[in-house]
């Protein structure tokens, strides 16, 4: 990826991060302009290396640098797609911020909607980049499908867990006015989730916040 495309990727990620964090307050929105590009870059780095290992293990003889380029271009495409959707996310975030109940509000809806949005953009970008890469390397369809499926699962897994480590991006309304750290790493969240998948399950179940306070 050229330096120009890398800068565009990070800038578009910053735009989406700002819109995402607006749901909580201006501090989260401003921090996300650095944190979301970091999320994109970290996930891209891990996936770019892992993709090549997976491809070799599944018998797809793809060049190392070709796979690196495809992986980084995937995240370039994802960032562009998310930036194009940022005005809508920003509008929803502002409405939620001004109408929530100061505790849980529509946090679960917002979390699930944005995870679905990011995953959908990722799947579309992966399909585009994988088709180009597999065609150029003359990889037959029956060999390409398992590789691309494994890449998709790996990317979703890595992206989800890295996102959890680098949170908070918008936080519960009950934490508004607190002093949030830049990163929570593997610290449990307010509802006790210790990984991305547990947090998503709680969002689906709409688990209530604890009543003992202590939010930050």
N, C-alpha and C. Protein backbone atom coordinates (compact mmCIF):
# COMPACT_ATOMS: atom_id res chain seq x y z
N UNK A 1 0.84 -1.19 0.00
CA UNK A 1 0.00 0.00 0.00
C UNK A 1 0.88 1.25 0.00
N UNK A 2 0.53 2.21 -0.83
CA UNK A 2 1.31 3.44 -0.92
C UNK A 2 1.10 4.29 0.34
N UNK A 3 2.06 5.18 0.66
CA UNK A 3 1.89 6.06 1.83
C UNK A 3 0.61 6.90 1.74
N UNK A 4 0.24 7.31 0.53
CA UNK A 4 -0.97 8.12 0.37
C UNK A 4 -2.20 7.31 0.76
N UNK A 5 -2.28 6.07 0.29
CA UNK A 5 -3.43 5.24 0.63
C UNK A 5 -3.46 4.92 2.12
N UNK A 6 -2.29 4.75 2.72
CA UNK A 6 -2.23 4.49 4.16
C UNK A 6 -2.78 5.69 4.93
N UNK A 7 -2.38 6.89 4.53
CA UNK A 7 -2.88 8.10 5.19
C UNK A 7 -4.38 8.24 5.01
N UNK A 8 -4.88 7.93 3.82
CA UNK A 8 -6.32 7.99 3.57
C UNK A 8 -7.05 6.98 4.46
N UNK A 9 -6.47 5.78 4.56
CA UNK A 9 -7.06 4.74 5.41
C UNK A 9 -7.20 5.22 6.85
N UNK A 10 -6.12 5.76 7.40
CA UNK A 10 -6.13 6.21 8.79
C UNK A 10 -7.04 7.42 8.98
N UNK A 11 -7.06 8.32 8.00
CA UNK A 11 -7.92 9.50 8.10
C UNK A 11 -9.40 9.11 8.08
N UNK A 12 -9.76 8.17 7.20
CA UNK A 12 -11.15 7.72 7.14
C UNK A 12 -11.55 6.99 8.42
N UNK A 13 -10.61 6.22 8.97
CA UNK A 13 -10.89 5.54 10.25
C UNK A 13 -11.11 6.57 11.35
N UNK A 14 -10.35 7.67 11.33
CA UNK A 14 -10.51 8.72 12.34
C UNK A 14 -11.87 9.39 12.23
N UNK A 15 -12.34 9.59 11.01
CA UNK A 15 -13.66 10.20 10.79
C UNK A 15 -14.76 9.32 11.39
N UNK A 16 -14.68 8.04 11.11
CA UNK A 16 -15.69 7.12 11.67
C UNK A 16 -15.57 7.05 13.19
N UNK A 17 -14.35 7.01 13.70
CA UNK A 17 -14.17 6.96 15.15
C UNK A 17 -14.77 8.17 15.85
N UNK A 18 -14.60 9.35 15.24
CA UNK A 18 -15.19 10.56 15.81
C UNK A 18 -16.72 10.45 15.87
N UNK A 19 -17.32 10.01 14.77
CA UNK A 19 -18.78 9.86 14.73
C UNK A 19 -19.24 8.85 15.77
N UNK A 20 -18.50 7.75 15.92
CA UNK A 20 -18.86 6.71 16.87
C UNK A 20 -18.86 7.23 18.30
N UNK A 21 -17.81 7.95 18.67
CA UNK A 21 -17.68 8.42 20.04
C UNK A 21 -18.61 9.54 20.42
N UNK A 22 -19.21 10.20 19.43
CA UNK A 22 -20.12 11.31 19.70
C UNK A 22 -21.32 10.87 20.53
N UNK A 23 -21.65 9.60 20.48
CA UNK A 23 -22.79 9.08 21.25
C UNK A 23 -22.59 9.27 22.75
N UNK A 24 -21.33 9.34 23.19
CA UNK A 24 -21.07 9.49 24.63
C UNK A 24 -20.77 10.94 24.98
N UNK A 25 -19.66 11.47 24.48
CA UNK A 25 -19.34 12.89 24.70
C UNK A 25 -18.18 13.28 23.77
N UNK A 26 -17.80 14.55 23.84
CA UNK A 26 -16.77 15.05 22.94
C UNK A 26 -15.39 14.46 23.25
N UNK A 27 -15.15 14.08 24.51
CA UNK A 27 -13.87 13.49 24.87
C UNK A 27 -13.68 12.15 24.16
N UNK A 28 -14.71 11.32 24.21
CA UNK A 28 -14.64 10.02 23.52
C UNK A 28 -14.47 10.23 22.02
N UNK A 29 -15.23 11.17 21.47
CA UNK A 29 -15.15 11.43 20.02
C UNK A 29 -13.73 11.84 19.62
N UNK A 30 -13.11 12.73 20.41
CA UNK A 30 -11.76 13.19 20.09
C UNK A 30 -10.73 12.07 20.23
N UNK A 31 -10.84 11.30 21.30
CA UNK A 31 -9.89 10.20 21.50
C UNK A 31 -10.01 9.15 20.39
N UNK A 32 -11.22 8.93 19.93
CA UNK A 32 -11.44 7.92 18.89
C UNK A 32 -10.75 8.27 17.58
N UNK A 33 -10.43 9.54 17.39
CA UNK A 33 -9.73 9.94 16.17
C UNK A 33 -8.31 9.36 16.14
N UNK A 34 -7.79 8.99 17.29
CA UNK A 34 -6.51 8.27 17.36
C UNK A 34 -6.73 6.78 17.57
N UNK A 35 -7.75 6.42 18.36
CA UNK A 35 -7.94 5.03 18.74
C UNK A 35 -8.47 4.16 17.59
N UNK A 36 -9.40 4.68 16.79
CA UNK A 36 -9.95 3.85 15.73
C UNK A 36 -8.92 3.58 14.63
N UNK A 37 -8.11 4.57 14.22
CA UNK A 37 -7.01 4.23 13.30
C UNK A 37 -6.04 3.21 13.89
N UNK A 38 -5.80 3.29 15.21
CA UNK A 38 -4.94 2.30 15.86
C UNK A 38 -5.56 0.91 15.78
N UNK A 39 -6.87 0.84 15.98
CA UNK A 39 -7.58 -0.44 15.85
C UNK A 39 -7.43 -1.01 14.44
N UNK A 40 -7.64 -0.17 13.44
CA UNK A 40 -7.52 -0.61 12.05
C UNK A 40 -6.10 -1.08 11.75
N UNK A 41 -5.11 -0.30 12.15
CA UNK A 41 -3.71 -0.64 11.86
C UNK A 41 -3.28 -1.92 12.59
N UNK A 42 -3.70 -2.06 13.85
CA UNK A 42 -3.33 -3.25 14.62
C UNK A 42 -3.94 -4.51 14.03
N UNK A 43 -5.23 -4.42 13.71
CA UNK A 43 -5.92 -5.58 13.14
C UNK A 43 -5.34 -5.94 11.77
N UNK A 44 -5.06 -4.94 10.96
CA UNK A 44 -4.49 -5.18 9.64
C UNK A 44 -3.13 -5.86 9.74
N UNK A 45 -2.30 -5.42 10.67
CA UNK A 45 -0.97 -6.00 10.83
C UNK A 45 -1.05 -7.47 11.22
N UNK A 46 -1.91 -7.78 12.19
CA UNK A 46 -2.06 -9.17 12.64
C UNK A 46 -2.63 -10.04 11.54
N UNK A 47 -3.67 -9.53 10.88
CA UNK A 47 -4.34 -10.33 9.85
C UNK A 47 -3.45 -10.53 8.62
N UNK A 48 -2.69 -9.52 8.25
CA UNK A 48 -1.84 -9.64 7.06
C UNK A 48 -0.86 -10.80 7.20
N UNK A 49 -0.26 -10.94 8.36
CA UNK A 49 0.68 -12.03 8.60
C UNK A 49 -0.05 -13.36 8.74
N UNK A 50 -1.18 -13.36 9.46
CA UNK A 50 -1.92 -14.59 9.70
C UNK A 50 -2.54 -15.14 8.42
N UNK A 51 -3.01 -14.26 7.55
CA UNK A 51 -3.61 -14.69 6.30
C UNK A 51 -2.64 -15.55 5.49
N UNK A 52 -1.39 -15.11 5.41
CA UNK A 52 -0.42 -15.85 4.61
C UNK A 52 -0.17 -17.24 5.21
N UNK A 53 -0.06 -17.32 6.54
CA UNK A 53 0.13 -18.60 7.21
C UNK A 53 -1.04 -19.53 6.93
N UNK A 54 -2.27 -19.00 7.03
CA UNK A 54 -3.46 -19.79 6.78
C UNK A 54 -3.50 -20.28 5.33
N UNK A 55 -3.16 -19.40 4.41
CA UNK A 55 -3.17 -19.77 3.00
C UNK A 55 -2.20 -20.91 2.72
N UNK A 56 -1.00 -20.84 3.31
CA UNK A 56 -0.02 -21.91 3.11
C UNK A 56 -0.51 -23.21 3.73
N UNK A 57 -1.13 -23.11 4.91
CA UNK A 57 -1.62 -24.31 5.59
C UNK A 57 -2.73 -25.00 4.81
N UNK A 58 -3.52 -24.21 4.07
CA UNK A 58 -4.64 -24.77 3.30
C UNK A 58 -4.29 -25.03 1.85
N UNK A 59 -3.02 -24.92 1.54
CA UNK A 59 -2.55 -25.31 0.21
C UNK A 59 -2.70 -24.28 -0.88
N UNK A 60 -2.96 -23.02 -0.53
CA UNK A 60 -3.05 -21.97 -1.54
C UNK A 60 -1.70 -21.26 -1.60
N UNK A 61 -0.95 -21.49 -2.65
CA UNK A 61 0.41 -20.95 -2.76
C UNK A 61 0.37 -19.50 -3.23
N UNK A 62 0.11 -18.63 -2.29
CA UNK A 62 0.04 -17.20 -2.57
C UNK A 62 1.32 -16.52 -2.11
N UNK A 63 1.77 -15.54 -2.86
CA UNK A 63 2.97 -14.81 -2.49
C UNK A 63 2.78 -14.02 -1.20
N UNK A 64 3.84 -13.96 -0.40
CA UNK A 64 3.76 -13.27 0.89
C UNK A 64 3.36 -11.80 0.71
N UNK A 65 4.03 -11.10 -0.17
CA UNK A 65 3.77 -9.67 -0.33
C UNK A 65 2.41 -9.41 -0.99
N UNK A 66 1.97 -10.33 -1.84
CA UNK A 66 0.65 -10.19 -2.44
C UNK A 66 -0.44 -10.28 -1.39
N UNK A 67 -0.25 -11.18 -0.42
CA UNK A 67 -1.22 -11.34 0.67
C UNK A 67 -1.19 -10.12 1.58
N UNK A 68 0.01 -9.60 1.86
CA UNK A 68 0.11 -8.40 2.71
C UNK A 68 -0.64 -7.24 2.06
N UNK A 69 -0.45 -7.08 0.76
CA UNK A 69 -1.10 -5.97 0.06
C UNK A 69 -2.62 -6.14 0.09
N UNK A 70 -3.09 -7.36 -0.16
CA UNK A 70 -4.53 -7.60 -0.16
C UNK A 70 -5.14 -7.32 1.21
N UNK A 71 -4.44 -7.73 2.27
CA UNK A 71 -4.96 -7.51 3.62
C UNK A 71 -5.05 -6.02 3.94
N UNK A 72 -4.00 -5.28 3.63
CA UNK A 72 -4.02 -3.85 3.92
C UNK A 72 -5.03 -3.12 3.05
N UNK A 73 -5.20 -3.57 1.80
CA UNK A 73 -6.20 -2.95 0.94
C UNK A 73 -7.61 -3.25 1.43
N UNK A 74 -7.80 -4.40 2.06
CA UNK A 74 -9.10 -4.70 2.66
C UNK A 74 -9.45 -3.63 3.70
N UNK A 75 -8.50 -3.31 4.56
CA UNK A 75 -8.78 -2.33 5.61
C UNK A 75 -8.87 -0.92 5.05
N UNK A 76 -8.20 -0.69 3.94
CA UNK A 76 -8.38 0.58 3.23
C UNK A 76 -9.84 0.70 2.76
N UNK A 77 -10.34 -0.37 2.14
CA UNK A 77 -11.73 -0.37 1.67
C UNK A 77 -12.72 -0.23 2.83
N UNK A 78 -12.44 -0.94 3.91
CA UNK A 78 -13.32 -0.86 5.09
C UNK A 78 -13.38 0.56 5.62
N UNK A 79 -12.24 1.21 5.73
CA UNK A 79 -12.19 2.58 6.24
C UNK A 79 -12.96 3.54 5.34
N UNK A 80 -12.82 3.37 4.03
CA UNK A 80 -13.57 4.22 3.09
C UNK A 80 -15.07 4.01 3.25
N UNK A 81 -15.48 2.75 3.35
CA UNK A 81 -16.91 2.46 3.51
C UNK A 81 -17.45 3.05 4.81
N UNK A 82 -16.71 2.88 5.89
CA UNK A 82 -17.16 3.41 7.18
C UNK A 82 -17.20 4.93 7.18
N UNK A 83 -16.22 5.56 6.56
CA UNK A 83 -16.22 7.02 6.49
C UNK A 83 -17.43 7.53 5.72
N UNK A 84 -17.82 6.80 4.66
CA UNK A 84 -18.98 7.22 3.88
C UNK A 84 -20.28 7.12 4.67
N UNK A 85 -20.28 6.24 5.68
CA UNK A 85 -21.46 6.05 6.52
C UNK A 85 -21.42 6.90 7.79
N UNK A 86 -20.32 7.60 8.00
CA UNK A 86 -20.14 8.36 9.24
C UNK A 86 -21.19 9.45 9.48
N UNK A 87 -21.65 10.17 8.45
CA UNK A 87 -22.69 11.17 8.73
C UNK A 87 -23.94 10.57 9.36
N UNK A 88 -24.34 9.39 8.88
CA UNK A 88 -25.52 8.73 9.46
C UNK A 88 -25.25 8.28 10.89
N UNK A 89 -24.05 7.72 11.13
CA UNK A 89 -23.69 7.28 12.48
C UNK A 89 -23.63 8.48 13.41
N UNK A 90 -23.07 9.58 12.95
CA UNK A 90 -22.96 10.80 13.76
C UNK A 90 -24.34 11.34 14.13
N UNK A 91 -25.27 11.32 13.17
CA UNK A 91 -26.62 11.81 13.45
C UNK A 91 -27.31 10.94 14.51
N UNK A 92 -27.22 9.62 14.35
CA UNK A 92 -27.82 8.71 15.33
C UNK A 92 -27.16 8.91 16.69
N UNK A 93 -25.85 9.08 16.70
CA UNK A 93 -25.13 9.28 17.96
C UNK A 93 -25.60 10.53 18.69
N UNK A 94 -25.79 11.62 17.96
CA UNK A 94 -26.25 12.87 18.58
C UNK A 94 -27.65 12.72 19.16
N UNK A 95 -28.52 12.06 18.41
CA UNK A 95 -29.89 11.85 18.90
C UNK A 95 -29.86 11.02 20.18
N UNK A 96 -29.08 9.94 20.18
CA UNK A 96 -29.00 9.09 21.37
C UNK A 96 -28.43 9.85 22.56
N UNK A 97 -27.41 10.63 22.32
CA UNK A 97 -26.75 11.36 23.39
C UNK A 97 -27.70 12.34 24.07
N UNK A 98 -28.60 12.93 23.30
CA UNK A 98 -29.50 13.94 23.84
C UNK A 98 -30.81 13.37 24.39
N UNK A 99 -31.02 12.09 24.17
CA UNK A 99 -32.30 11.50 24.61
C UNK A 99 -32.15 10.31 25.53
N UNK A 100 -30.91 9.88 25.84
CA UNK A 100 -30.78 8.68 26.66
C UNK A 100 -31.15 8.97 28.11
N UNK A 101 -31.26 7.88 28.89
CA UNK A 101 -31.72 8.01 30.28
C UNK A 101 -30.58 8.20 31.28
N UNK A 102 -29.35 8.34 30.79
CA UNK A 102 -28.22 8.54 31.68
C UNK A 102 -27.71 7.27 32.32
N UNK A 103 -28.28 6.12 31.97
CA UNK A 103 -27.80 4.84 32.52
C UNK A 103 -27.39 3.91 31.38
N UNK A 104 -28.35 3.14 30.86
CA UNK A 104 -28.04 2.22 29.77
C UNK A 104 -28.45 2.79 28.42
N UNK A 105 -29.58 3.50 28.42
CA UNK A 105 -30.06 4.11 27.19
C UNK A 105 -30.16 3.10 26.05
N UNK A 106 -29.75 3.52 24.86
CA UNK A 106 -29.75 2.63 23.69
C UNK A 106 -28.34 2.11 23.39
N UNK A 107 -27.55 1.96 24.45
CA UNK A 107 -26.17 1.49 24.29
C UNK A 107 -26.12 0.16 23.53
N UNK A 108 -26.97 -0.79 23.93
CA UNK A 108 -26.93 -2.12 23.32
C UNK A 108 -27.28 -2.07 21.84
N UNK A 109 -28.29 -1.29 21.50
CA UNK A 109 -28.67 -1.14 20.09
C UNK A 109 -27.50 -0.53 19.29
N UNK A 110 -26.90 0.50 19.84
CA UNK A 110 -25.82 1.22 19.16
C UNK A 110 -24.61 0.31 18.97
N UNK A 111 -24.29 -0.47 20.01
CA UNK A 111 -23.17 -1.39 19.92
C UNK A 111 -23.42 -2.44 18.84
N UNK A 112 -24.58 -3.08 18.88
CA UNK A 112 -24.89 -4.13 17.91
C UNK A 112 -24.94 -3.58 16.49
N UNK A 113 -25.51 -2.41 16.32
CA UNK A 113 -25.64 -1.81 14.99
C UNK A 113 -24.26 -1.50 14.40
N UNK A 114 -23.36 -0.96 15.22
CA UNK A 114 -22.05 -0.61 14.70
C UNK A 114 -21.18 -1.84 14.47
N UNK A 115 -21.30 -2.85 15.32
CA UNK A 115 -20.57 -4.10 15.07
C UNK A 115 -21.04 -4.74 13.76
N UNK A 116 -22.36 -4.75 13.55
CA UNK A 116 -22.90 -5.29 12.30
C UNK A 116 -22.43 -4.48 11.10
N UNK A 117 -22.38 -3.17 11.26
CA UNK A 117 -21.94 -2.29 10.19
C UNK A 117 -20.47 -2.57 9.82
N UNK A 118 -19.63 -2.66 10.83
CA UNK A 118 -18.21 -2.91 10.58
C UNK A 118 -17.99 -4.28 9.98
N UNK A 119 -18.69 -5.29 10.52
CA UNK A 119 -18.55 -6.66 10.00
C UNK A 119 -19.02 -6.75 8.55
N UNK A 120 -20.10 -6.07 8.22
CA UNK A 120 -20.62 -6.10 6.85
C UNK A 120 -19.65 -5.44 5.88
N UNK A 121 -19.10 -4.29 6.29
CA UNK A 121 -18.10 -3.62 5.45
C UNK A 121 -16.87 -4.50 5.27
N UNK A 122 -16.48 -5.18 6.33
CA UNK A 122 -15.33 -6.07 6.25
C UNK A 122 -15.56 -7.24 5.32
N UNK A 123 -16.75 -7.83 5.39
CA UNK A 123 -17.06 -8.97 4.54
C UNK A 123 -17.08 -8.55 3.06
N UNK A 124 -17.66 -7.39 2.77
CA UNK A 124 -17.69 -6.90 1.39
C UNK A 124 -16.27 -6.62 0.87
N UNK A 125 -15.47 -5.98 1.71
CA UNK A 125 -14.10 -5.67 1.31
C UNK A 125 -13.27 -6.93 1.11
N UNK A 126 -13.48 -7.92 1.98
CA UNK A 126 -12.75 -9.18 1.85
C UNK A 126 -13.13 -9.89 0.56
N UNK A 127 -14.40 -9.93 0.23
CA UNK A 127 -14.84 -10.57 -1.01
C UNK A 127 -14.17 -9.92 -2.22
N UNK A 128 -14.09 -8.60 -2.19
CA UNK A 128 -13.48 -7.87 -3.32
C UNK A 128 -11.99 -8.17 -3.44
N UNK A 129 -11.28 -8.05 -2.32
CA UNK A 129 -9.84 -8.25 -2.37
C UNK A 129 -9.46 -9.71 -2.63
N UNK A 130 -10.22 -10.64 -2.03
CA UNK A 130 -9.92 -12.06 -2.22
C UNK A 130 -10.16 -12.48 -3.67
N UNK A 131 -11.22 -11.99 -4.28
CA UNK A 131 -11.50 -12.34 -5.67
C UNK A 131 -10.35 -11.89 -6.58
N UNK A 132 -9.87 -10.66 -6.35
CA UNK A 132 -8.76 -10.16 -7.16
C UNK A 132 -7.49 -10.98 -6.94
N UNK A 133 -7.19 -11.27 -5.68
CA UNK A 133 -5.97 -11.99 -5.35
C UNK A 133 -6.01 -13.42 -5.88
N UNK A 134 -7.11 -14.11 -5.66
CA UNK A 134 -7.22 -15.51 -6.10
C UNK A 134 -7.19 -15.62 -7.62
N UNK A 135 -7.80 -14.67 -8.29
CA UNK A 135 -7.81 -14.68 -9.76
C UNK A 135 -6.41 -14.46 -10.32
N UNK A 136 -5.69 -13.52 -9.73
CA UNK A 136 -4.35 -13.22 -10.22
C UNK A 136 -3.38 -14.38 -9.99
N UNK A 137 -3.64 -15.16 -8.93
CA UNK A 137 -2.78 -16.31 -8.63
C UNK A 137 -3.30 -17.61 -9.23
N UNK A 138 -4.41 -17.53 -9.96
CA UNK A 138 -5.01 -18.71 -10.61
C UNK A 138 -5.32 -19.82 -9.60
N UNK A 139 -5.85 -19.42 -8.44
CA UNK A 139 -6.25 -20.40 -7.42
C UNK A 139 -7.65 -20.89 -7.75
N UNK A 140 -7.88 -22.19 -7.91
CA UNK A 140 -9.21 -22.69 -8.25
C UNK A 140 -10.22 -22.42 -7.15
N UNK A 141 -11.49 -22.35 -7.52
CA UNK A 141 -12.55 -21.99 -6.59
C UNK A 141 -12.61 -22.93 -5.39
N UNK A 142 -12.46 -24.24 -5.64
CA UNK A 142 -12.57 -25.21 -4.55
C UNK A 142 -11.44 -25.05 -3.54
N UNK A 143 -10.32 -24.47 -3.94
CA UNK A 143 -9.23 -24.21 -3.01
C UNK A 143 -9.37 -22.83 -2.39
N UNK A 144 -9.93 -21.88 -3.13
CA UNK A 144 -10.06 -20.51 -2.65
C UNK A 144 -11.12 -20.37 -1.57
N UNK A 145 -12.23 -21.08 -1.70
CA UNK A 145 -13.34 -20.92 -0.75
C UNK A 145 -12.94 -21.22 0.70
N UNK A 146 -12.27 -22.35 0.98
CA UNK A 146 -11.85 -22.59 2.37
C UNK A 146 -10.90 -21.52 2.90
N UNK A 147 -10.01 -21.03 2.03
CA UNK A 147 -9.05 -20.02 2.45
C UNK A 147 -9.77 -18.72 2.80
N UNK A 148 -10.66 -18.28 1.93
CA UNK A 148 -11.37 -17.03 2.16
C UNK A 148 -12.28 -17.14 3.39
N UNK A 149 -12.90 -18.29 3.56
CA UNK A 149 -13.75 -18.50 4.75
C UNK A 149 -12.93 -18.42 6.02
N UNK A 150 -11.74 -19.03 5.99
CA UNK A 150 -10.86 -18.97 7.16
C UNK A 150 -10.38 -17.55 7.40
N UNK A 151 -10.08 -16.83 6.33
CA UNK A 151 -9.67 -15.43 6.48
C UNK A 151 -10.77 -14.59 7.11
N UNK A 152 -12.00 -14.82 6.68
CA UNK A 152 -13.13 -14.06 7.23
C UNK A 152 -13.28 -14.32 8.73
N UNK A 153 -13.26 -15.61 9.10
CA UNK A 153 -13.40 -15.97 10.52
C UNK A 153 -12.25 -15.38 11.35
N UNK A 154 -11.04 -15.47 10.82
CA UNK A 154 -9.87 -14.96 11.52
C UNK A 154 -9.96 -13.44 11.70
N UNK A 155 -10.36 -12.75 10.64
CA UNK A 155 -10.44 -11.29 10.69
C UNK A 155 -11.49 -10.83 11.69
N UNK A 156 -12.64 -11.49 11.69
CA UNK A 156 -13.69 -11.13 12.64
C UNK A 156 -13.23 -11.39 14.08
N UNK A 157 -12.56 -12.51 14.28
CA UNK A 157 -12.08 -12.86 15.63
C UNK A 157 -11.05 -11.84 16.11
N UNK A 158 -10.05 -11.58 15.27
CA UNK A 158 -8.98 -10.65 15.66
C UNK A 158 -9.54 -9.24 15.86
N UNK A 159 -10.34 -8.78 14.89
CA UNK A 159 -10.90 -7.43 14.99
C UNK A 159 -11.74 -7.25 16.23
N UNK A 160 -12.57 -8.24 16.54
CA UNK A 160 -13.42 -8.14 17.71
C UNK A 160 -12.63 -8.06 19.01
N UNK A 161 -11.63 -8.92 19.13
CA UNK A 161 -10.88 -8.94 20.38
C UNK A 161 -9.95 -7.75 20.54
N UNK A 162 -9.35 -7.30 19.43
CA UNK A 162 -8.51 -6.09 19.51
C UNK A 162 -9.38 -4.88 19.88
N UNK A 163 -10.58 -4.83 19.29
CA UNK A 163 -11.50 -3.73 19.62
C UNK A 163 -11.85 -3.74 21.11
N UNK A 164 -12.03 -4.93 21.67
CA UNK A 164 -12.36 -5.03 23.09
C UNK A 164 -11.19 -4.52 23.95
N UNK A 165 -9.97 -4.86 23.57
CA UNK A 165 -8.81 -4.44 24.34
C UNK A 165 -8.60 -2.93 24.29
N UNK A 166 -8.94 -2.31 23.16
CA UNK A 166 -8.71 -0.87 22.98
C UNK A 166 -9.90 -0.01 23.39
N UNK A 167 -10.97 -0.63 23.89
CA UNK A 167 -12.13 0.14 24.31
C UNK A 167 -11.76 1.03 25.50
N UNK A 168 -12.57 2.03 25.89
CA UNK A 168 -13.92 2.34 25.40
C UNK A 168 -13.92 3.28 24.20
N UNK A 169 -14.93 3.08 23.35
CA UNK A 169 -15.11 3.94 22.18
C UNK A 169 -16.29 4.89 22.38
N UNK A 170 -17.29 4.46 23.17
CA UNK A 170 -18.39 5.37 23.48
C UNK A 170 -18.95 5.15 24.88
N UNK A 171 -18.88 3.98 25.43
CA UNK A 171 -19.22 3.77 26.83
C UNK A 171 -20.70 3.86 27.15
N UNK A 172 -21.05 3.36 28.31
CA UNK A 172 -22.43 3.44 28.79
C UNK A 172 -22.76 4.89 29.16
N UNK A 173 -24.00 5.33 28.94
CA UNK A 173 -24.38 6.68 29.38
C UNK A 173 -24.12 6.93 30.86
N UNK A 174 -24.19 5.86 31.68
CA UNK A 174 -23.96 6.00 33.12
C UNK A 174 -22.54 6.43 33.44
N UNK A 175 -21.61 6.24 32.50
CA UNK A 175 -20.22 6.63 32.76
C UNK A 175 -19.93 8.06 32.33
N UNK A 176 -20.92 8.74 31.77
CA UNK A 176 -20.70 10.11 31.29
C UNK A 176 -20.34 11.02 32.46
N UNK A 177 -19.32 11.85 32.27
CA UNK A 177 -18.88 12.75 33.32
C UNK A 177 -17.78 12.16 34.18
N UNK A 178 -17.43 10.89 33.92
CA UNK A 178 -16.36 10.24 34.69
C UNK A 178 -14.99 10.56 34.10
N UNK A 179 -14.00 9.81 34.54
CA UNK A 179 -12.63 10.00 34.06
C UNK A 179 -12.15 8.69 33.42
N UNK A 180 -12.56 8.43 32.20
CA UNK A 180 -12.26 7.14 31.58
C UNK A 180 -10.79 7.04 31.18
N UNK A 181 -10.20 5.85 31.31
CA UNK A 181 -8.84 5.65 30.80
C UNK A 181 -8.86 5.59 29.27
N UNK A 182 -7.72 5.76 28.65
CA UNK A 182 -7.65 5.64 27.20
C UNK A 182 -8.01 4.23 26.76
N UNK A 183 -7.48 3.24 27.49
CA UNK A 183 -7.72 1.83 27.14
C UNK A 183 -8.07 1.05 28.41
N UNK A 184 -8.98 0.10 28.27
CA UNK A 184 -9.32 -0.77 29.39
C UNK A 184 -8.59 -2.11 29.31
N UNK A 185 -7.97 -2.40 28.16
CA UNK A 185 -7.25 -3.66 27.96
C UNK A 185 -8.14 -4.85 28.34
N UNK A 186 -7.70 -5.73 29.23
CA UNK A 186 -8.50 -6.91 29.57
C UNK A 186 -9.33 -6.72 30.85
N UNK A 187 -9.42 -5.47 31.31
CA UNK A 187 -10.26 -5.18 32.48
C UNK A 187 -11.73 -5.41 32.14
N UNK A 188 -12.47 -6.02 33.05
CA UNK A 188 -13.89 -6.25 32.83
C UNK A 188 -14.64 -4.93 32.71
N UNK A 189 -15.68 -4.91 31.89
CA UNK A 189 -16.46 -3.68 31.77
C UNK A 189 -17.47 -3.59 32.91
N UNK A 190 -18.32 -2.57 32.86
CA UNK A 190 -19.26 -2.32 33.95
C UNK A 190 -20.16 -3.51 34.23
N UNK A 191 -20.55 -4.24 33.18
CA UNK A 191 -21.43 -5.40 33.35
C UNK A 191 -20.67 -6.70 33.55
N UNK A 192 -19.34 -6.61 33.60
CA UNK A 192 -18.53 -7.79 33.91
C UNK A 192 -17.98 -8.54 32.72
N UNK A 193 -18.20 -8.06 31.50
CA UNK A 193 -17.69 -8.75 30.31
C UNK A 193 -16.17 -8.68 30.28
N UNK A 194 -15.53 -9.81 29.97
CA UNK A 194 -14.07 -9.87 29.94
C UNK A 194 -13.52 -10.15 28.54
N UNK A 195 -14.40 -10.24 27.56
CA UNK A 195 -13.96 -10.39 26.18
C UNK A 195 -15.06 -9.89 25.25
N UNK A 196 -14.73 -9.76 23.98
CA UNK A 196 -15.66 -9.21 22.99
C UNK A 196 -16.94 -10.01 22.90
N UNK A 197 -16.83 -11.32 22.94
CA UNK A 197 -18.00 -12.18 22.71
C UNK A 197 -18.95 -12.15 23.89
N UNK A 198 -18.39 -12.06 25.09
CA UNK A 198 -19.23 -11.91 26.28
C UNK A 198 -19.95 -10.56 26.25
N UNK A 199 -19.26 -9.53 25.81
CA UNK A 199 -19.88 -8.20 25.72
C UNK A 199 -21.02 -8.20 24.71
N UNK A 200 -20.83 -8.89 23.58
CA UNK A 200 -21.89 -8.96 22.58
C UNK A 200 -23.07 -9.76 23.08
N UNK A 201 -22.82 -10.84 23.80
CA UNK A 201 -23.92 -11.64 24.37
C UNK A 201 -24.72 -10.81 25.35
N UNK A 202 -24.06 -10.02 26.16
CA UNK A 202 -24.76 -9.15 27.11
C UNK A 202 -25.58 -8.09 26.37
N UNK A 203 -25.06 -7.60 25.26
CA UNK A 203 -25.80 -6.61 24.47
C UNK A 203 -27.05 -7.23 23.87
N UNK A 204 -26.94 -8.46 23.40
CA UNK A 204 -28.09 -9.16 22.83
C UNK A 204 -29.14 -9.42 23.90
N UNK A 205 -28.67 -9.79 25.09
CA UNK A 205 -29.59 -10.07 26.20
C UNK A 205 -30.07 -8.80 26.89
N UNK A 206 -29.45 -7.65 26.56
CA UNK A 206 -29.75 -6.36 27.19
C UNK A 206 -29.62 -6.45 28.71
N UNK A 207 -28.49 -6.96 29.15
CA UNK A 207 -28.23 -7.12 30.57
C UNK A 207 -28.22 -5.77 31.27
N UNK A 208 -28.87 -5.69 32.41
CA UNK A 208 -28.96 -4.42 33.14
C UNK A 208 -27.62 -4.06 33.77
N UNK A 209 -27.43 -2.76 34.00
CA UNK A 209 -26.23 -2.31 34.69
C UNK A 209 -26.34 -2.60 36.18
N UNK A 210 -25.22 -2.84 36.86
CA UNK A 210 -25.27 -3.03 38.31
C UNK A 210 -25.76 -1.75 39.00
N UNK A 211 -26.35 -1.92 40.15
CA UNK A 211 -26.95 -0.77 40.85
C UNK A 211 -26.01 -0.15 41.87
N UNK A 212 -24.79 -0.69 41.98
CA UNK A 212 -23.88 -0.19 43.03
C UNK A 212 -23.01 0.96 42.56
N UNK A 213 -23.21 1.42 41.31
CA UNK A 213 -22.46 2.57 40.82
C UNK A 213 -21.00 2.24 40.60
N UNK A 214 -20.14 3.21 40.85
CA UNK A 214 -18.71 3.01 40.65
C UNK A 214 -18.28 3.08 39.20
N UNK A 215 -19.10 3.74 38.39
CA UNK A 215 -18.79 3.81 36.97
C UNK A 215 -17.69 4.84 36.71
N UNK A 216 -16.93 4.60 35.61
CA UNK A 216 -15.92 5.58 35.21
C UNK A 216 -15.79 5.59 33.71
